[in-house]
């Protein structure tokens, strides 16, 4: 029996929604570099979950992302890296910066806006390093960084800042949020960039500085 195009579309989306993975985030491949808070990559619709595919491009690179809260909500941020050669020991760190957060207790390689605090997430030290299989892209990633998960009570602009304490560089994925709230446009965009993710076309150069700097911005 022949199936009409409209019925095939309905069945396609139904199958897709049934197969939605646990780590269901709207993917976004980030190609613009940032220099600070003023040109931070904006995370749209902070009430839903996102996966930001990006790279630290040099030993001094620091990436900035921002999101706006108009009401209190649970903030949840994670960071994973590709399951690729030379990535098992790649441990970029991130900080959530915002109003109402505690004062940073370690040196940071960037300044904080007036009245803002920061919570820094560092490697867990788990050995062997845990991995995670993402069903949508059928790709495996390394975990191993403590996650940020706490209630954000102050409204305003928050930032997620990513860097590497010893100046190493490479690809990473920021996972933001928990709530699934995808539109058909979101799904269409996800399938548009899926080949880029599956082929690792978004992954930049992995490297280490000749001499690791000791001004880590995340340490003693």
C-alpha atoms as a PDB file:
ATOM      1  CA  UNK A   1       0.000   0.000   0.000  1.00  0.00           C
ATOM      2  CA  UNK A   2       1.321   3.393  -0.963  1.00  0.00           C
ATOM      3  CA  UNK A   3       1.729   5.996   1.742  1.00  0.00           C
ATOM      4  CA  UNK A   4       1.159   9.668   1.018  1.00  0.00           C
ATOM      5  CA  UNK A   5       4.000  12.141   1.520  1.00  0.00           C
ATOM      6  CA  UNK A   6       2.135  13.830   4.393  1.00  0.00           C
ATOM      7  CA  UNK A   7       1.653  10.497   6.167  1.00  0.00           C
ATOM      8  CA  UNK A   8       5.348   9.665   5.724  1.00  0.00           C
ATOM      9  CA  UNK A   9       6.249  13.005   7.317  1.00  0.00           C
ATOM     10  CA  UNK A  10       3.934  12.316  10.259  1.00  0.00           C
ATOM     11  CA  UNK A  11       5.438   8.856  10.762  1.00  0.00           C
ATOM     12  CA  UNK A  12       8.967  10.294  10.466  1.00  0.00           C
ATOM     13  CA  UNK A  13       8.433  12.861  13.207  1.00  0.00           C
ATOM     14  CA  UNK A  14       6.573  10.358  15.389  1.00  0.00           C
ATOM     15  CA  UNK A  15       9.480   7.926  15.130  1.00  0.00           C
ATOM     16  CA  UNK A  16      11.928  10.710  15.839  1.00  0.00           C
ATOM     17  CA  UNK A  17      10.121  11.859  18.972  1.00  0.00           C
ATOM     18  CA  UNK A  18       9.838   8.283  20.257  1.00  0.00           C
ATOM     19  CA  UNK A  19      13.582   7.853  19.735  1.00  0.00           C
ATOM     20  CA  UNK A  20      14.509  11.087  21.528  1.00  0.00           C
ATOM     21  CA  UNK A  21      17.686  10.326  23.528  1.00  0.00           C
ATOM     22  CA  UNK A  22      18.150  10.921  27.238  1.00  0.00           C
ATOM     23  CA  UNK A  23      20.754  13.599  26.502  1.00  0.00           C
ATOM     24  CA  UNK A  24      18.265  15.410  24.250  1.00  0.00           C
ATOM     25  CA  UNK A  25      19.715  18.857  23.608  1.00  0.00           C
ATOM     26  CA  UNK A  26      19.184  21.181  20.675  1.00  0.00           C
ATOM     27  CA  UNK A  27      22.581  21.188  18.888  1.00  0.00           C
ATOM     28  CA  UNK A  28      24.357  24.398  17.910  1.00  0.00           C
ATOM     29  CA  UNK A  29      27.757  24.476  16.190  1.00  0.00           C
ATOM     30  CA  UNK A  30      29.629  27.588  17.336  1.00  0.00           C
ATOM     31  CA  UNK A  31      31.972  29.103  14.751  1.00  0.00           C
ATOM     32  CA  UNK A  32      32.407  32.634  16.127  1.00  0.00           C
ATOM     33  CA  UNK A  33      35.177  33.240  18.620  1.00  0.00           C
ATOM     34  CA  UNK A  34      34.644  35.530  21.597  1.00  0.00           C
ATOM     35  CA  UNK A  35      36.846  38.091  23.325  1.00  0.00           C
ATOM     36  CA  UNK A  36      34.855  38.683  26.505  1.00  0.00           C
ATOM     37  CA  UNK A  37      31.438  39.271  28.005  1.00  0.00           C
ATOM     38  CA  UNK A  38      30.454  41.877  25.413  1.00  0.00           C
ATOM     39  CA  UNK A  39      30.446  39.426  22.484  1.00  0.00           C
ATOM     40  CA  UNK A  40      29.495  36.270  24.381  1.00  0.00           C
ATOM     41  CA  UNK A  41      27.570  33.669  22.382  1.00  0.00           C
ATOM     42  CA  UNK A  42      23.946  34.015  23.460  1.00  0.00           C
ATOM     43  CA  UNK A  43      22.105  30.854  24.452  1.00  0.00           C
ATOM     44  CA  UNK A  44      18.534  31.381  23.224  1.00  0.00           C
ATOM     45  CA  UNK A  45      15.517  30.083  25.113  1.00  0.00           C
ATOM     46  CA  UNK A  46      17.329  29.304  28.380  1.00  0.00           C
ATOM     47  CA  UNK A  47      14.296  27.349  29.545  1.00  0.00           C
ATOM     48  CA  UNK A  48      15.173  24.476  27.180  1.00  0.00           C
ATOM     49  CA  UNK A  49      18.290  22.342  26.747  1.00  0.00           C
ATOM     50  CA  UNK A  50      21.131  23.041  24.305  1.00  0.00           C
ATOM     51  CA  UNK A  51      24.360  21.373  23.170  1.00  0.00           C
ATOM     52  CA  UNK A  52      26.994  23.879  22.035  1.00  0.00           C
ATOM     53  CA  UNK A  53      29.756  22.342  19.885  1.00  0.00           C
ATOM     54  CA  UNK A  54      32.826  24.545  20.026  1.00  0.00           C
ATOM     55  CA  UNK A  55      36.635  24.714  20.252  1.00  0.00           C
ATOM     56  CA  UNK A  56      39.362  26.315  22.276  1.00  0.00           C
ATOM     57  CA  UNK A  57      41.551  27.479  19.388  1.00  0.00           C
ATOM     58  CA  UNK A  58      44.812  28.471  21.115  1.00  0.00           C
ATOM     59  CA  UNK A  59      46.612  28.322  24.481  1.00  0.00           C
ATOM     60  CA  UNK A  60      45.146  31.702  25.473  1.00  0.00           C
ATOM     61  CA  UNK A  61      41.627  31.180  24.141  1.00  0.00           C
ATOM     62  CA  UNK A  62      38.708  31.734  26.540  1.00  0.00           C
ATOM     63  CA  UNK A  63      35.149  31.200  25.323  1.00  0.00           C
ATOM     64  CA  UNK A  64      32.175  33.143  26.681  1.00  0.00           C
ATOM     65  CA  UNK A  65      28.475  32.212  26.529  1.00  0.00           C
ATOM     66  CA  UNK A  66      25.533  34.068  28.036  1.00  0.00           C
ATOM     67  CA  UNK A  67      21.913  33.477  28.948  1.00  0.00           C
ATOM     68  CA  UNK A  68      19.212  35.698  30.435  1.00  0.00           C
ATOM     69  CA  UNK A  69      17.017  34.736  33.370  1.00  0.00           C
ATOM     70  CA  UNK A  70      13.773  36.604  33.940  1.00  0.00           C
ATOM     71  CA  UNK A  71      12.725  34.298  36.775  1.00  0.00           C
ATOM     72  CA  UNK A  72      14.477  31.845  39.094  1.00  0.00           C
ATOM     73  CA  UNK A  73      15.243  28.453  37.574  1.00  0.00           C
ATOM     74  CA  UNK A  74      17.482  25.426  37.969  1.00  0.00           C
ATOM     75  CA  UNK A  75      20.804  25.973  36.237  1.00  0.00           C
ATOM     76  CA  UNK A  76      22.408  22.850  34.808  1.00  0.00           C
ATOM     77  CA  UNK A  77      25.653  22.952  32.806  1.00  0.00           C
ATOM     78  CA  UNK A  78      27.921  20.067  31.780  1.00  0.00           C
ATOM     79  CA  UNK A  79      31.008  19.751  29.586  1.00  0.00           C
ATOM     80  CA  UNK A  80      32.143  16.754  27.523  1.00  0.00           C
ATOM     81  CA  UNK A  81      34.862  16.276  24.898  1.00  0.00           C
ATOM     82  CA  UNK A  82      35.015  14.049  21.791  1.00  0.00           C
ATOM     83  CA  UNK A  83      36.021  10.417  22.109  1.00  0.00           C
ATOM     84  CA  UNK A  84      38.964  10.876  19.755  1.00  0.00           C
ATOM     85  CA  UNK A  85      42.739  10.230  19.850  1.00  0.00           C
ATOM     86  CA  UNK A  86      44.577  12.601  22.231  1.00  0.00           C
ATOM     87  CA  UNK A  87      41.346  13.621  23.970  1.00  0.00           C
ATOM     88  CA  UNK A  88      41.347  11.294  26.972  1.00  0.00           C
ATOM     89  CA  UNK A  89      43.617  13.714  28.852  1.00  0.00           C
ATOM     90  CA  UNK A  90      41.927  16.905  27.582  1.00  0.00           C
ATOM     91  CA  UNK A  91      40.223  18.556  30.555  1.00  0.00           C
ATOM     92  CA  UNK A  92      38.959  22.069  29.832  1.00  0.00           C
ATOM     93  CA  UNK A  93      37.143  23.647  32.746  1.00  0.00           C
ATOM     94  CA  UNK A  94      34.248  26.065  32.952  1.00  0.00           C
ATOM     95  CA  UNK A  95      32.780  28.595  35.339  1.00  0.00           C
ATOM     96  CA  UNK A  96      29.216  29.788  35.699  1.00  0.00           C
ATOM     97  CA  UNK A  97      29.350  33.534  36.352  1.00  0.00           C
ATOM     98  CA  UNK A  98      26.365  35.509  37.547  1.00  0.00           C
ATOM     99  CA  UNK A  99      24.545  37.584  40.148  1.00  0.00           C
ATOM    100  CA  UNK A 100      23.933  35.917  43.485  1.00  0.00           C
ATOM    101  CA  UNK A 101      26.731  33.383  43.071  1.00  0.00           C
ATOM    102  CA  UNK A 102      29.529  33.120  45.661  1.00  0.00           C
ATOM    103  CA  UNK A 103      32.840  34.891  45.347  1.00  0.00           C
ATOM    104  CA  UNK A 104      35.382  32.882  43.362  1.00  0.00           C
ATOM    105  CA  UNK A 105      37.899  31.222  45.671  1.00  0.00           C
ATOM    106  CA  UNK A 106      40.600  30.670  43.054  1.00  0.00           C
ATOM    107  CA  UNK A 107      42.433  32.866  40.580  1.00  0.00           C
ATOM    108  CA  UNK A 108      40.603  33.234  37.272  1.00  0.00           C
ATOM    109  CA  UNK A 109      42.147  34.200  33.903  1.00  0.00           C
ATOM    110  CA  UNK A 110      39.385  36.774  33.404  1.00  0.00           C
ATOM    111  CA  UNK A 111      37.769  39.460  35.540  1.00  0.00           C
ATOM    112  CA  UNK A 112      34.255  39.270  36.940  1.00  0.00           C
ATOM    113  CA  UNK A 113      31.560  41.912  36.366  1.00  0.00           C
ATOM    114  CA  UNK A 114      30.922  44.053  39.425  1.00  0.00           C
ATOM    115  CA  UNK A 115      28.704  42.303  41.922  1.00  0.00           C
ATOM    116  CA  UNK A 116      29.037  38.922  40.214  1.00  0.00           C
ATOM    117  CA  UNK A 117      30.297  35.657  41.643  1.00  0.00           C
ATOM    118  CA  UNK A 118      31.484  32.456  39.995  1.00  0.00           C
ATOM    119  CA  UNK A 119      31.279  28.690  40.495  1.00  0.00           C
ATOM    120  CA  UNK A 120      34.160  26.774  38.882  1.00  0.00           C
ATOM    121  CA  UNK A 121      33.775  23.167  37.751  1.00  0.00           C
ATOM    122  CA  UNK A 122      36.955  21.087  37.611  1.00  0.00           C
ATOM    123  CA  UNK A 123      37.877  17.523  36.541  1.00  0.00           C
ATOM    124  CA  UNK A 124      36.659  14.763  38.848  1.00  0.00           C
ATOM    125  CA  UNK A 125      39.906  12.816  38.511  1.00  0.00           C
ATOM    126  CA  UNK A 126      38.035   9.609  37.656  1.00  0.00           C
ATOM    127  CA  UNK A 127      40.353   6.940  36.220  1.00  0.00           C
ATOM    128  CA  UNK A 128      39.613   5.409  33.798  1.00  0.00           C
ATOM    129  CA  UNK A 129      37.826   8.413  32.398  1.00  0.00           C
ATOM    130  CA  UNK A 130      34.093   7.730  31.952  1.00  0.00           C
ATOM    131  CA  UNK A 131      32.534   7.896  28.497  1.00  0.00           C
ATOM    132  CA  UNK A 132      29.059   8.688  27.248  1.00  0.00           C
ATOM    133  CA  UNK A 133      27.266   7.512  24.100  1.00  0.00           C
ATOM    134  CA  UNK A 134      24.969  10.116  22.536  1.00  0.00           C
ATOM    135  CA  UNK A 135      22.171   8.345  20.673  1.00  0.00           C
ATOM    136  CA  UNK A 136      21.103  11.125  18.298  1.00  0.00           C
ATOM    137  CA  UNK A 137      24.503  11.589  16.649  1.00  0.00           C
ATOM    138  CA  UNK A 138      25.661   8.024  17.445  1.00  0.00           C
ATOM    139  CA  UNK A 139      28.895   9.458  18.831  1.00  0.00           C
ATOM    140  CA  UNK A 140      30.834   8.714  22.015  1.00  0.00           C
ATOM    141  CA  UNK A 141      32.279  11.421  24.275  1.00  0.00           C
ATOM    142  CA  UNK A 142      34.517  11.645  27.321  1.00  0.00           C
ATOM    143  CA  UNK A 143      32.973  12.897  30.545  1.00  0.00           C
ATOM    144  CA  UNK A 144      34.991  13.455  33.722  1.00  0.00           C
ATOM    145  CA  UNK A 145      34.168  17.057  34.649  1.00  0.00           C
ATOM    146  CA  UNK A 146      31.955  17.846  37.628  1.00  0.00           C
ATOM    147  CA  UNK A 147      28.621  19.301  36.555  1.00  0.00           C
ATOM    148  CA  UNK A 148      27.036  22.556  37.663  1.00  0.00           C
ATOM    149  CA  UNK A 149      23.520  22.036  38.969  1.00  0.00           C
ATOM    150  CA  UNK A 150      21.947  24.493  41.346  1.00  0.00           C
ATOM    151  CA  UNK A 151      19.019  26.826  41.704  1.00  0.00           C
ATOM    152  CA  UNK A 152      19.654  30.298  40.275  1.00  0.00           C
ATOM    153  CA  UNK A 153      17.497  32.718  42.250  1.00  0.00           C
ATOM    154  CA  UNK A 154      18.698  36.107  40.978  1.00  0.00           C
ATOM    155  CA  UNK A 155      17.427  37.357  37.629  1.00  0.00           C
ATOM    156  CA  UNK A 156      19.770  38.940  35.084  1.00  0.00           C
ATOM    157  CA  UNK A 157      22.555  37.904  32.724  1.00  0.00           C
ATOM    158  CA  UNK A 158      24.609  34.809  33.469  1.00  0.00           C
ATOM    159  CA  UNK A 159      27.718  33.582  31.676  1.00  0.00           C
ATOM    160  CA  UNK A 160      29.396  30.238  31.068  1.00  0.00           C
ATOM    161  CA  UNK A 161      33.139  30.682  30.534  1.00  0.00           C
ATOM    162  CA  UNK A 162      35.364  27.882  29.181  1.00  0.00           C
ATOM    163  CA  UNK A 163      39.175  27.686  29.214  1.00  0.00           C
ATOM    164  CA  UNK A 164      42.017  25.250  29.887  1.00  0.00           C
ATOM    165  CA  UNK A 165      44.159  25.733  33.020  1.00  0.00           C
ATOM    166  CA  UNK A 166      47.397  24.720  31.246  1.00  0.00           C
ATOM    167  CA  UNK A 167      46.720  26.301  27.889  1.00  0.00           C
ATOM    168  CA  UNK A 168      45.761  23.145  26.013  1.00  0.00           C
ATOM    169  CA  UNK A 169      43.242  23.516  23.226  1.00  0.00           C
ATOM    170  CA  UNK A 170      40.753  21.374  21.348  1.00  0.00           C
ATOM    171  CA  UNK A 171      37.056  20.610  20.897  1.00  0.00           C
ATOM    172  CA  UNK A 172      34.384  20.408  23.583  1.00  0.00           C
ATOM    173  CA  UNK A 173      30.607  20.363  23.979  1.00  0.00           C
ATOM    174  CA  UNK A 174      28.724  22.442  26.538  1.00  0.00           C
ATOM    175  CA  UNK A 175      25.450  20.871  27.638  1.00  0.00           C
ATOM    176  CA  UNK A 176      23.012  23.419  29.008  1.00  0.00           C
ATOM    177  CA  UNK A 177      19.637  22.775  30.625  1.00  0.00           C
ATOM    178  CA  UNK A 178      17.421  19.745  31.183  1.00  0.00           C
ATOM    179  CA  UNK A 179      14.024  20.602  29.767  1.00  0.00           C
ATOM    180  CA  UNK A 180      13.056  19.353  26.321  1.00  0.00           C
ATOM    181  CA  UNK A 181      11.020  21.943  24.415  1.00  0.00           C
ATOM    182  CA  UNK A 182      11.856  21.409  20.759  1.00  0.00           C
ATOM    183  CA  UNK A 183       9.952  22.900  17.847  1.00  0.00           C
ATOM    184  CA  UNK A 184       9.835  21.433  14.349  1.00  0.00           C
ATOM    185  CA  UNK A 185      12.258  24.182  13.345  1.00  0.00           C
ATOM    186  CA  UNK A 186      14.683  23.020  16.049  1.00  0.00           C
ATOM    187  CA  UNK A 187      14.492  19.438  14.783  1.00  0.00           C
ATOM    188  CA  UNK A 188      14.966  20.554  11.187  1.00  0.00           C
ATOM    189  CA  UNK A 189      18.072  22.504  12.202  1.00  0.00           C
ATOM    190  CA  UNK A 190      19.340  19.522  14.195  1.00  0.00           C
ATOM    191  CA  UNK A 191      19.176  17.282  11.132  1.00  0.00           C
ATOM    192  CA  UNK A 192      20.797  19.976   9.031  1.00  0.00           C
ATOM    193  CA  UNK A 193      23.916  20.032  11.182  1.00  0.00           C
ATOM    194  CA  UNK A 194      23.878  16.327  12.092  1.00  0.00           C
ATOM    195  CA  UNK A 195      26.364  15.401   9.297  1.00  0.00           C
ATOM    196  CA  UNK A 196      28.799  18.006  10.670  1.00  0.00           C
ATOM    197  CA  UNK A 197      28.602  16.373  14.089  1.00  0.00           C
ATOM    198  CA  UNK A 198      28.768  12.776  12.851  1.00  0.00           C
ATOM    199  CA  UNK A 199      31.810  13.464  10.642  1.00  0.00           C
ATOM    200  CA  UNK A 200      33.573  15.497  13.370  1.00  0.00           C
ATOM    201  CA  UNK A 201      33.780  18.392  10.895  1.00  0.00           C
ATOM    202  CA  UNK A 202      33.259  20.814  13.786  1.00  0.00           C
ATOM    203  CA  UNK A 203      36.359  19.529  15.621  1.00  0.00           C
ATOM    204  CA  UNK A 204      39.323  21.884  15.458  1.00  0.00           C
ATOM    205  CA  UNK A 205      42.994  21.296  16.205  1.00  0.00           C
ATOM    206  CA  UNK A 206      44.017  19.537  19.406  1.00  0.00           C
ATOM    207  CA  UNK A 207      47.226  20.885  20.883  1.00  0.00           C
ATOM    208  CA  UNK A 208      49.341  21.596  23.929  1.00  0.00           C
ATOM    209  CA  UNK A 209      51.701  24.520  24.552  1.00  0.00           C
ATOM    210  CA  UNK A 210      55.443  23.675  24.546  1.00  0.00           C
ATOM    211  CA  UNK A 211      55.668  24.669  28.201  1.00  0.00           C
ATOM    212  CA  UNK A 212      52.463  24.564  30.224  1.00  0.00           C
ATOM    213  CA  UNK A 213      51.883  27.935  31.911  1.00  0.00           C
ATOM    214  CA  UNK A 214      51.439  27.916  35.665  1.00  0.00           C
ATOM    215  CA  UNK A 215      48.907  30.751  35.822  1.00  0.00           C
ATOM    216  CA  UNK A 216      46.004  28.435  35.359  1.00  0.00           C
ATOM    217  CA  UNK A 217      43.099  30.464  36.463  1.00  0.00           C
ATOM    218  CA  UNK A 218      41.743  27.513  38.290  1.00  0.00           C
ATOM    219  CA  UNK A 219      44.023  26.535  41.042  1.00  0.00           C
ATOM    220  CA  UNK A 220      45.918  27.426  44.048  1.00  0.00           C
END
